[in-house]
N, C-alpha and C. Protein backbone atom coordinates (compact mmCIF):
# COMPACT_ATOMS: atom_id res chain seq x y z
N UNK A 1 70.61 -13.69 54.53
CA UNK A 1 71.67 -14.48 53.98
C UNK A 1 71.86 -14.06 52.52
N UNK A 2 73.13 -13.90 52.12
CA UNK A 2 73.43 -13.53 50.74
C UNK A 2 73.70 -14.79 49.94
N UNK A 3 73.10 -14.87 48.79
CA UNK A 3 73.36 -16.02 47.95
C UNK A 3 74.07 -15.66 46.65
N UNK A 4 74.54 -14.43 46.56
CA UNK A 4 75.29 -14.00 45.38
C UNK A 4 76.68 -13.58 45.82
N UNK A 5 77.69 -14.05 45.09
CA UNK A 5 79.08 -13.71 45.38
C UNK A 5 79.62 -12.84 44.26
N UNK A 6 80.45 -11.90 44.63
CA UNK A 6 81.05 -11.02 43.65
C UNK A 6 82.56 -11.16 43.72
N UNK A 7 83.18 -11.20 42.57
CA UNK A 7 84.63 -11.24 42.50
C UNK A 7 85.13 -9.81 42.66
N UNK A 8 85.89 -9.57 43.71
CA UNK A 8 86.35 -8.20 43.96
C UNK A 8 87.76 -7.96 43.48
N UNK A 9 88.35 -8.92 42.75
CA UNK A 9 89.71 -8.68 42.25
C UNK A 9 89.66 -7.62 41.16
N UNK A 10 90.69 -6.81 41.14
CA UNK A 10 90.75 -5.71 40.19
C UNK A 10 90.97 -6.24 38.78
N UNK A 11 90.16 -5.81 37.87
CA UNK A 11 90.31 -6.13 36.46
C UNK A 11 90.37 -4.81 35.70
N UNK A 12 91.54 -4.50 35.10
CA UNK A 12 91.60 -3.24 34.37
C UNK A 12 90.57 -3.21 33.25
N UNK A 13 90.04 -2.03 33.02
CA UNK A 13 89.05 -1.91 31.96
C UNK A 13 89.72 -2.15 30.61
N UNK A 14 88.93 -2.48 29.63
CA UNK A 14 89.45 -2.79 28.30
C UNK A 14 90.32 -1.69 27.72
N UNK A 15 89.94 -0.41 27.82
CA UNK A 15 90.82 0.63 27.26
C UNK A 15 92.21 0.63 27.91
N UNK A 16 92.29 0.34 29.20
CA UNK A 16 93.60 0.29 29.85
C UNK A 16 94.39 -0.91 29.37
N UNK A 17 93.74 -2.05 29.27
CA UNK A 17 94.42 -3.24 28.76
C UNK A 17 94.91 -2.98 27.34
N UNK A 18 94.11 -2.30 26.54
CA UNK A 18 94.52 -1.96 25.18
C UNK A 18 95.78 -1.10 25.20
N UNK A 19 95.86 -0.16 26.13
CA UNK A 19 97.05 0.69 26.22
C UNK A 19 98.26 -0.12 26.68
N UNK A 20 98.07 -0.98 27.67
CA UNK A 20 99.16 -1.86 28.11
C UNK A 20 99.66 -2.67 26.92
N UNK A 21 98.72 -3.26 26.20
CA UNK A 21 99.09 -4.11 25.07
C UNK A 21 99.78 -3.33 23.96
N UNK A 22 99.41 -2.08 23.76
CA UNK A 22 100.07 -1.25 22.76
C UNK A 22 101.53 -1.03 23.13
N UNK A 23 101.79 -0.76 24.40
CA UNK A 23 103.18 -0.57 24.84
C UNK A 23 103.95 -1.88 24.76
N UNK A 24 103.33 -2.97 25.15
CA UNK A 24 103.98 -4.28 25.07
C UNK A 24 104.33 -4.61 23.62
N UNK A 25 103.40 -4.39 22.71
CA UNK A 25 103.65 -4.68 21.30
C UNK A 25 104.78 -3.82 20.76
N UNK A 26 104.82 -2.56 21.14
CA UNK A 26 105.92 -1.69 20.74
C UNK A 26 107.24 -2.27 21.24
N UNK A 27 107.26 -2.76 22.48
CA UNK A 27 108.46 -3.36 23.04
C UNK A 27 108.90 -4.62 22.31
N UNK A 28 107.96 -5.40 21.87
CA UNK A 28 108.28 -6.63 21.14
C UNK A 28 108.90 -6.34 19.76
N UNK A 29 108.59 -5.18 19.21
CA UNK A 29 109.10 -4.83 17.88
C UNK A 29 110.36 -3.97 17.93
N UNK A 30 110.61 -3.27 19.04
CA UNK A 30 111.71 -2.30 19.12
C UNK A 30 113.07 -2.99 19.13
N UNK A 31 113.99 -2.48 18.37
CA UNK A 31 115.34 -3.04 18.30
C UNK A 31 116.40 -2.06 18.81
N UNK A 32 115.99 -1.08 19.61
CA UNK A 32 116.94 -0.10 20.13
C UNK A 32 118.04 -0.81 20.92
N UNK A 33 119.26 -0.28 20.88
CA UNK A 33 120.32 -0.86 21.72
C UNK A 33 120.05 -0.54 23.19
N UNK A 34 120.50 -1.41 24.06
CA UNK A 34 120.30 -1.23 25.50
C UNK A 34 121.63 -1.37 26.23
N UNK A 35 121.63 -1.05 27.49
CA UNK A 35 122.81 -1.19 28.33
C UNK A 35 123.14 -2.63 28.66
N UNK A 36 122.27 -3.56 28.30
CA UNK A 36 122.54 -4.98 28.47
C UNK A 36 123.29 -5.54 27.24
N UNK A 37 123.56 -4.68 26.27
CA UNK A 37 124.22 -5.03 25.02
C UNK A 37 123.43 -6.06 24.23
N UNK A 38 122.13 -5.90 24.29
CA UNK A 38 121.18 -6.70 23.51
C UNK A 38 120.11 -5.75 23.01
N UNK A 39 119.46 -6.08 21.90
CA UNK A 39 118.37 -5.23 21.43
C UNK A 39 117.21 -5.22 22.45
N UNK A 40 116.48 -4.14 22.46
CA UNK A 40 115.37 -3.96 23.39
C UNK A 40 114.42 -5.15 23.36
N UNK A 41 113.98 -5.55 22.17
CA UNK A 41 112.99 -6.63 22.08
C UNK A 41 113.52 -7.95 22.65
N UNK A 42 114.83 -8.18 22.60
CA UNK A 42 115.39 -9.40 23.17
C UNK A 42 115.22 -9.43 24.69
N UNK A 43 115.27 -8.26 25.31
CA UNK A 43 115.12 -8.19 26.78
C UNK A 43 113.73 -8.60 27.22
N UNK A 44 112.74 -8.21 26.46
CA UNK A 44 111.36 -8.46 26.89
C UNK A 44 110.77 -9.72 26.28
N UNK A 45 111.52 -10.39 25.42
CA UNK A 45 111.00 -11.61 24.81
C UNK A 45 111.92 -12.81 25.02
N UNK A 46 112.70 -12.81 26.09
CA UNK A 46 113.45 -14.02 26.37
C UNK A 46 114.79 -13.85 27.04
N UNK A 47 115.56 -12.82 26.70
CA UNK A 47 116.93 -12.71 27.21
C UNK A 47 117.00 -12.59 28.73
N UNK A 48 115.98 -12.02 29.35
CA UNK A 48 115.98 -11.86 30.81
C UNK A 48 114.88 -12.68 31.49
N UNK A 49 114.39 -13.71 30.84
CA UNK A 49 113.28 -14.48 31.39
C UNK A 49 113.55 -15.00 32.80
N UNK A 50 114.73 -15.55 33.04
CA UNK A 50 115.03 -16.08 34.37
C UNK A 50 115.07 -14.98 35.42
N UNK A 51 115.67 -13.85 35.07
CA UNK A 51 115.76 -12.73 36.00
C UNK A 51 114.37 -12.17 36.31
N UNK A 52 113.54 -12.06 35.29
CA UNK A 52 112.19 -11.52 35.46
C UNK A 52 111.36 -12.47 36.31
N UNK A 53 111.47 -13.77 36.05
CA UNK A 53 110.74 -14.76 36.85
C UNK A 53 111.20 -14.70 38.30
N UNK A 54 112.49 -14.54 38.52
CA UNK A 54 113.01 -14.45 39.89
C UNK A 54 112.48 -13.20 40.59
N UNK A 55 112.37 -12.09 39.87
CA UNK A 55 111.82 -10.88 40.48
C UNK A 55 110.43 -11.13 41.03
N UNK A 56 109.64 -11.89 40.31
CA UNK A 56 108.27 -12.12 40.73
C UNK A 56 108.17 -13.14 41.86
N UNK A 57 108.94 -14.22 41.78
CA UNK A 57 108.80 -15.30 42.76
C UNK A 57 109.75 -15.17 43.94
N UNK A 58 110.94 -14.63 43.70
CA UNK A 58 111.94 -14.44 44.75
C UNK A 58 112.57 -13.06 44.57
N UNK A 59 111.88 -12.01 45.00
CA UNK A 59 112.38 -10.66 44.73
C UNK A 59 113.82 -10.42 45.16
N UNK A 60 114.22 -10.99 46.28
CA UNK A 60 115.59 -10.80 46.75
C UNK A 60 116.61 -11.34 45.77
N UNK A 61 116.35 -12.52 45.23
CA UNK A 61 117.26 -13.12 44.26
C UNK A 61 117.23 -12.34 42.95
N UNK A 62 116.05 -11.93 42.50
CA UNK A 62 115.93 -11.17 41.26
C UNK A 62 116.67 -9.84 41.34
N UNK A 63 116.51 -9.15 42.46
CA UNK A 63 117.21 -7.87 42.65
C UNK A 63 118.72 -8.11 42.67
N UNK A 64 119.16 -9.13 43.38
CA UNK A 64 120.59 -9.42 43.50
C UNK A 64 121.23 -9.71 42.14
N UNK A 65 120.49 -10.36 41.25
CA UNK A 65 121.01 -10.69 39.93
C UNK A 65 121.09 -9.46 39.04
N UNK A 66 120.17 -8.52 39.18
CA UNK A 66 120.11 -7.37 38.28
C UNK A 66 120.85 -6.13 38.78
N UNK A 67 120.93 -5.92 40.07
CA UNK A 67 121.52 -4.68 40.58
C UNK A 67 122.98 -4.54 40.14
N UNK A 68 123.29 -3.40 39.59
CA UNK A 68 124.66 -3.11 39.16
C UNK A 68 125.06 -3.77 37.85
N UNK A 69 124.18 -4.50 37.21
CA UNK A 69 124.50 -5.25 36.00
C UNK A 69 124.36 -4.38 34.76
N UNK A 70 125.29 -4.51 33.85
CA UNK A 70 125.20 -3.82 32.57
C UNK A 70 125.95 -2.50 32.55
N UNK A 71 125.82 -1.83 31.44
CA UNK A 71 126.54 -0.59 31.20
C UNK A 71 125.82 0.62 31.78
N UNK A 72 126.60 1.68 31.99
CA UNK A 72 126.01 2.97 32.29
C UNK A 72 126.35 3.54 33.65
N UNK A 73 126.21 4.87 33.74
CA UNK A 73 126.38 5.57 35.01
C UNK A 73 125.33 5.07 36.00
N UNK A 74 124.15 4.80 35.48
CA UNK A 74 123.15 4.04 36.22
C UNK A 74 123.09 2.72 35.46
N UNK A 75 123.67 1.65 36.01
CA UNK A 75 123.74 0.39 35.26
C UNK A 75 122.38 -0.06 34.75
N UNK A 76 122.41 -0.76 33.63
CA UNK A 76 121.19 -1.19 32.94
C UNK A 76 120.26 -1.97 33.86
N UNK A 77 120.81 -2.84 34.69
CA UNK A 77 119.98 -3.62 35.60
C UNK A 77 119.23 -2.74 36.59
N UNK A 78 119.88 -1.68 37.04
CA UNK A 78 119.25 -0.76 37.98
C UNK A 78 118.11 -0.01 37.31
N UNK A 79 118.35 0.44 36.08
CA UNK A 79 117.30 1.13 35.33
C UNK A 79 116.12 0.19 35.09
N UNK A 80 116.41 -1.06 34.75
CA UNK A 80 115.36 -2.06 34.55
C UNK A 80 114.55 -2.22 35.83
N UNK A 81 115.23 -2.34 36.97
CA UNK A 81 114.53 -2.49 38.26
C UNK A 81 113.63 -1.29 38.54
N UNK A 82 114.11 -0.08 38.22
CA UNK A 82 113.31 1.12 38.43
C UNK A 82 112.02 1.06 37.62
N UNK A 83 112.12 0.69 36.35
CA UNK A 83 110.92 0.58 35.51
C UNK A 83 109.99 -0.52 35.96
N UNK A 84 110.56 -1.64 36.36
CA UNK A 84 109.76 -2.76 36.84
C UNK A 84 108.99 -2.36 38.09
N UNK A 85 109.66 -1.67 39.00
CA UNK A 85 109.01 -1.21 40.23
C UNK A 85 107.90 -0.21 39.92
N UNK A 86 108.13 0.68 38.98
CA UNK A 86 107.16 1.71 38.64
C UNK A 86 105.80 1.11 38.30
N UNK A 87 105.77 0.00 37.58
CA UNK A 87 104.48 -0.59 37.18
C UNK A 87 104.02 -1.71 38.11
N UNK A 88 104.78 -1.99 39.17
CA UNK A 88 104.44 -3.10 40.06
C UNK A 88 104.40 -2.71 41.54
N UNK A 89 104.16 -1.47 41.85
CA UNK A 89 104.25 -1.03 43.24
C UNK A 89 102.94 -1.10 44.02
N UNK A 90 102.10 -2.06 43.68
CA UNK A 90 100.88 -2.29 44.43
C UNK A 90 101.23 -2.84 45.81
N UNK A 91 100.72 -2.24 46.87
CA UNK A 91 101.06 -2.72 48.22
C UNK A 91 100.71 -4.20 48.41
N UNK A 92 101.56 -4.88 49.13
CA UNK A 92 101.34 -6.29 49.43
C UNK A 92 102.65 -6.97 49.75
N UNK A 93 102.61 -8.27 49.98
CA UNK A 93 103.82 -9.01 50.36
C UNK A 93 104.94 -8.93 49.33
N UNK A 94 104.58 -9.02 48.03
CA UNK A 94 105.62 -8.95 47.01
C UNK A 94 106.32 -7.59 47.05
N UNK A 95 105.54 -6.52 47.09
CA UNK A 95 106.13 -5.17 47.09
C UNK A 95 107.01 -4.97 48.31
N UNK A 96 106.59 -5.47 49.46
CA UNK A 96 107.38 -5.35 50.68
C UNK A 96 108.71 -6.08 50.52
N UNK A 97 108.67 -7.30 49.97
CA UNK A 97 109.90 -8.08 49.78
C UNK A 97 110.82 -7.41 48.75
N UNK A 98 110.24 -6.88 47.67
CA UNK A 98 111.04 -6.20 46.64
C UNK A 98 111.71 -4.97 47.24
N UNK A 99 110.94 -4.16 47.95
CA UNK A 99 111.49 -2.95 48.56
C UNK A 99 112.62 -3.29 49.52
N UNK A 100 112.42 -4.30 50.36
CA UNK A 100 113.45 -4.68 51.34
C UNK A 100 114.73 -5.14 50.63
N UNK A 101 114.57 -5.94 49.57
CA UNK A 101 115.74 -6.43 48.83
C UNK A 101 116.49 -5.28 48.16
N UNK A 102 115.75 -4.38 47.54
CA UNK A 102 116.39 -3.26 46.85
C UNK A 102 117.03 -2.31 47.86
N UNK A 103 116.36 -2.04 48.95
CA UNK A 103 116.92 -1.16 49.98
C UNK A 103 118.20 -1.74 50.56
N UNK A 104 118.23 -3.04 50.76
CA UNK A 104 119.44 -3.69 51.28
C UNK A 104 120.61 -3.46 50.33
N UNK A 105 120.38 -3.63 49.03
CA UNK A 105 121.46 -3.48 48.05
C UNK A 105 121.90 -2.03 47.89
N UNK A 106 120.97 -1.10 47.89
CA UNK A 106 121.37 0.29 47.67
C UNK A 106 121.91 0.94 48.94
N UNK A 107 121.78 0.27 50.07
CA UNK A 107 122.34 0.79 51.31
C UNK A 107 123.85 0.56 51.39
N UNK A 108 124.37 -0.25 50.50
CA UNK A 108 125.80 -0.54 50.46
C UNK A 108 126.40 0.03 49.18
N UNK A 109 127.59 0.61 49.27
CA UNK A 109 128.24 1.13 48.06
C UNK A 109 128.84 0.01 47.20
N UNK A 110 128.69 -1.23 47.61
CA UNK A 110 129.32 -2.35 46.92
C UNK A 110 128.58 -2.83 45.67
N UNK A 111 127.33 -2.49 45.52
CA UNK A 111 126.53 -3.11 44.47
C UNK A 111 126.30 -2.26 43.24
N UNK A 112 126.28 -0.95 43.41
CA UNK A 112 125.99 -0.10 42.26
C UNK A 112 126.61 1.28 42.46
N UNK A 113 126.34 2.17 41.53
CA UNK A 113 126.93 3.50 41.58
C UNK A 113 126.15 4.42 42.53
N UNK A 114 126.79 5.49 42.94
CA UNK A 114 126.14 6.47 43.81
C UNK A 114 124.92 7.08 43.14
N UNK A 115 125.05 7.43 41.87
CA UNK A 115 123.94 8.03 41.15
C UNK A 115 122.76 7.06 41.11
N UNK A 116 123.03 5.82 40.81
CA UNK A 116 121.97 4.83 40.72
C UNK A 116 121.33 4.57 42.09
N UNK A 117 122.14 4.51 43.12
CA UNK A 117 121.57 4.32 44.47
C UNK A 117 120.59 5.44 44.79
N UNK A 118 120.92 6.66 44.42
CA UNK A 118 120.03 7.79 44.68
C UNK A 118 118.74 7.69 43.87
N UNK A 119 118.84 7.36 42.58
CA UNK A 119 117.64 7.20 41.75
C UNK A 119 116.72 6.12 42.32
N UNK A 120 117.31 5.00 42.70
CA UNK A 120 116.51 3.89 43.22
C UNK A 120 115.88 4.24 44.57
N UNK A 121 116.61 4.97 45.40
CA UNK A 121 116.04 5.41 46.68
C UNK A 121 114.84 6.30 46.44
N UNK A 122 114.97 7.23 45.51
CA UNK A 122 113.84 8.11 45.18
C UNK A 122 112.66 7.29 44.65
N UNK A 123 112.94 6.29 43.82
CA UNK A 123 111.86 5.45 43.28
C UNK A 123 111.14 4.70 44.40
N UNK A 124 111.89 4.19 45.35
CA UNK A 124 111.26 3.49 46.48
C UNK A 124 110.36 4.41 47.29
N UNK A 125 110.66 5.71 47.24
CA UNK A 125 109.84 6.69 47.95
C UNK A 125 108.72 7.24 47.06
N UNK A 126 108.60 6.70 45.85
CA UNK A 126 107.50 7.09 44.96
C UNK A 126 107.79 8.27 44.06
N UNK A 127 109.06 8.62 43.89
CA UNK A 127 109.43 9.76 43.04
C UNK A 127 110.05 9.25 41.74
N UNK A 128 109.49 9.71 40.61
CA UNK A 128 109.96 9.30 39.30
C UNK A 128 110.07 10.53 38.41
N UNK A 129 110.78 10.40 37.31
CA UNK A 129 110.95 11.53 36.39
C UNK A 129 109.62 11.90 35.73
N UNK A 130 109.55 13.12 35.23
CA UNK A 130 108.35 13.59 34.56
C UNK A 130 108.00 12.76 33.34
N UNK A 131 109.01 12.32 32.59
CA UNK A 131 108.72 11.53 31.38
C UNK A 131 108.14 10.16 31.75
N UNK A 132 108.63 9.54 32.83
CA UNK A 132 108.07 8.26 33.27
C UNK A 132 106.65 8.44 33.78
N UNK A 133 106.42 9.51 34.51
CA UNK A 133 105.07 9.76 35.01
C UNK A 133 104.10 10.07 33.88
N UNK A 134 104.57 10.77 32.84
CA UNK A 134 103.71 11.05 31.69
C UNK A 134 103.32 9.75 30.98
N UNK A 135 104.26 8.81 30.88
CA UNK A 135 103.94 7.53 30.25
C UNK A 135 102.97 6.73 31.11
N UNK A 136 103.19 6.68 32.42
CA UNK A 136 102.25 5.93 33.27
C UNK A 136 100.88 6.61 33.28
N UNK A 137 100.86 7.92 33.20
CA UNK A 137 99.58 8.63 33.09
C UNK A 137 98.86 8.24 31.79
N UNK A 138 99.61 8.16 30.70
CA UNK A 138 99.02 7.72 29.43
C UNK A 138 98.46 6.30 29.57
N UNK A 139 99.24 5.41 30.22
CA UNK A 139 98.78 4.03 30.41
C UNK A 139 97.48 3.98 31.21
N UNK A 140 97.31 4.95 32.11
CA UNK A 140 96.11 5.00 32.94
C UNK A 140 94.95 5.73 32.27
N UNK A 141 95.13 6.10 30.99
CA UNK A 141 94.04 6.72 30.25
C UNK A 141 94.22 8.19 29.97
N UNK A 142 95.40 8.72 30.30
CA UNK A 142 95.65 10.14 30.09
C UNK A 142 95.84 10.51 28.62
N UNK A 143 95.96 11.80 28.40
CA UNK A 143 96.09 12.34 27.05
C UNK A 143 97.47 12.09 26.46
N UNK A 144 97.56 12.33 25.17
CA UNK A 144 98.83 12.24 24.46
C UNK A 144 98.90 11.01 23.58
N UNK A 145 100.03 10.88 22.93
CA UNK A 145 100.27 9.76 22.03
C UNK A 145 101.34 8.85 22.64
N UNK A 146 101.18 7.56 22.44
CA UNK A 146 102.14 6.60 22.97
C UNK A 146 103.55 6.90 22.46
N UNK A 147 103.70 7.15 21.17
CA UNK A 147 105.04 7.35 20.63
C UNK A 147 105.74 8.55 21.25
N UNK A 148 105.01 9.65 21.46
CA UNK A 148 105.66 10.82 22.07
C UNK A 148 106.04 10.53 23.51
N UNK A 149 105.22 9.79 24.24
CA UNK A 149 105.54 9.44 25.63
C UNK A 149 106.75 8.51 25.69
N UNK A 150 106.78 7.52 24.80
CA UNK A 150 107.90 6.58 24.77
C UNK A 150 109.20 7.29 24.39
N UNK A 151 109.15 8.14 23.39
CA UNK A 151 110.37 8.84 22.98
C UNK A 151 110.90 9.74 24.08
N UNK A 152 110.02 10.32 24.85
CA UNK A 152 110.45 11.14 25.99
C UNK A 152 111.21 10.29 27.00
N UNK A 153 110.79 9.05 27.18
CA UNK A 153 111.46 8.14 28.12
C UNK A 153 112.78 7.64 27.53
N UNK A 154 112.77 7.15 26.30
CA UNK A 154 113.98 6.52 25.75
C UNK A 154 115.08 7.52 25.42
N UNK A 155 114.73 8.79 25.33
CA UNK A 155 115.74 9.81 25.06
C UNK A 155 116.56 10.18 26.29
N UNK A 156 116.25 9.59 27.42
CA UNK A 156 116.97 9.90 28.65
C UNK A 156 118.26 9.08 28.74
N UNK A 157 119.39 9.76 28.85
CA UNK A 157 120.67 9.08 28.98
C UNK A 157 121.06 8.35 27.71
N UNK A 158 122.16 7.63 27.79
CA UNK A 158 122.61 6.87 26.63
C UNK A 158 121.70 5.67 26.40
N UNK A 159 121.51 4.85 27.43
CA UNK A 159 120.58 3.72 27.34
C UNK A 159 119.63 3.64 28.53
N UNK A 160 119.78 4.52 29.50
CA UNK A 160 118.98 4.44 30.73
C UNK A 160 117.48 4.44 30.47
N UNK A 161 117.02 5.31 29.60
CA UNK A 161 115.59 5.37 29.32
C UNK A 161 115.08 4.08 28.70
N UNK A 162 115.86 3.52 27.80
CA UNK A 162 115.45 2.26 27.16
C UNK A 162 115.43 1.12 28.17
N UNK A 163 116.44 1.08 29.04
CA UNK A 163 116.50 0.02 30.04
C UNK A 163 115.36 0.14 31.06
N UNK A 164 115.01 1.38 31.42
CA UNK A 164 113.88 1.60 32.32
C UNK A 164 112.58 1.18 31.64
N UNK A 165 112.42 1.56 30.38
CA UNK A 165 111.23 1.17 29.63
C UNK A 165 111.13 -0.35 29.50
N UNK A 166 112.26 -1.02 29.33
CA UNK A 166 112.26 -2.49 29.26
C UNK A 166 111.72 -3.08 30.56
N UNK A 167 112.09 -2.51 31.70
CA UNK A 167 111.56 -2.97 32.97
C UNK A 167 110.06 -2.76 33.06
N UNK A 168 109.59 -1.62 32.57
CA UNK A 168 108.15 -1.36 32.55
C UNK A 168 107.42 -2.37 31.68
N UNK A 169 107.93 -2.59 30.47
CA UNK A 169 107.27 -3.52 29.56
C UNK A 169 107.27 -4.93 30.14
N UNK A 170 108.38 -5.36 30.71
CA UNK A 170 108.44 -6.69 31.32
C UNK A 170 107.44 -6.82 32.46
N UNK A 171 107.32 -5.78 33.26
CA UNK A 171 106.34 -5.81 34.36
C UNK A 171 104.91 -5.87 33.85
N UNK A 172 104.61 -5.11 32.81
CA UNK A 172 103.27 -5.14 32.23
C UNK A 172 102.97 -6.48 31.57
N UNK A 173 103.99 -7.08 30.96
CA UNK A 173 103.79 -8.39 30.34
C UNK A 173 103.43 -9.43 31.40
N UNK A 174 104.05 -9.36 32.55
CA UNK A 174 103.71 -10.28 33.63
C UNK A 174 102.29 -10.04 34.13
N UNK A 175 101.91 -8.79 34.22
CA UNK A 175 100.57 -8.47 34.72
C UNK A 175 99.47 -8.94 33.78
N UNK A 176 99.72 -8.82 32.47
CA UNK A 176 98.67 -9.14 31.51
C UNK A 176 98.70 -10.59 31.05
N UNK A 177 99.75 -11.31 31.47
CA UNK A 177 99.84 -12.74 31.12
C UNK A 177 100.31 -12.89 29.76
């Protein structure tokens, strides 16, 4: 008989949490313009609180509110969803519901642009740009500097990189509490 119990829930190591927190802090201070026509820091510190909460508790409703929203060839909401998915794709009921909701919306030409539908389809299949993968690699303990990784992401498109990064930061903020 075993009389010792172990908590098997995943707890990121301190260096990883430090890296998450460094990116989150950068997001809280950044004032870059976004496709939502609000400064970057406003997106991650209140302007999208209801949408972000809906993504976590009711993925279908959260996706429906964000898909196709905002400016850009790939609308800001779509870019945000891509970044949010990138840091939240752990298998489980939430991921299944998110994928189903996003797939439903991108299967119709009514919700977003053709370019965005293709990017989101690739993301659902686990394919992301090199700059996004370099940043997630850094978050996981890889080499490089945060600022160079972030600038590589935010330099993509007019606001697409910033909107994608906002989704990543919002997702990390939810994970770290």
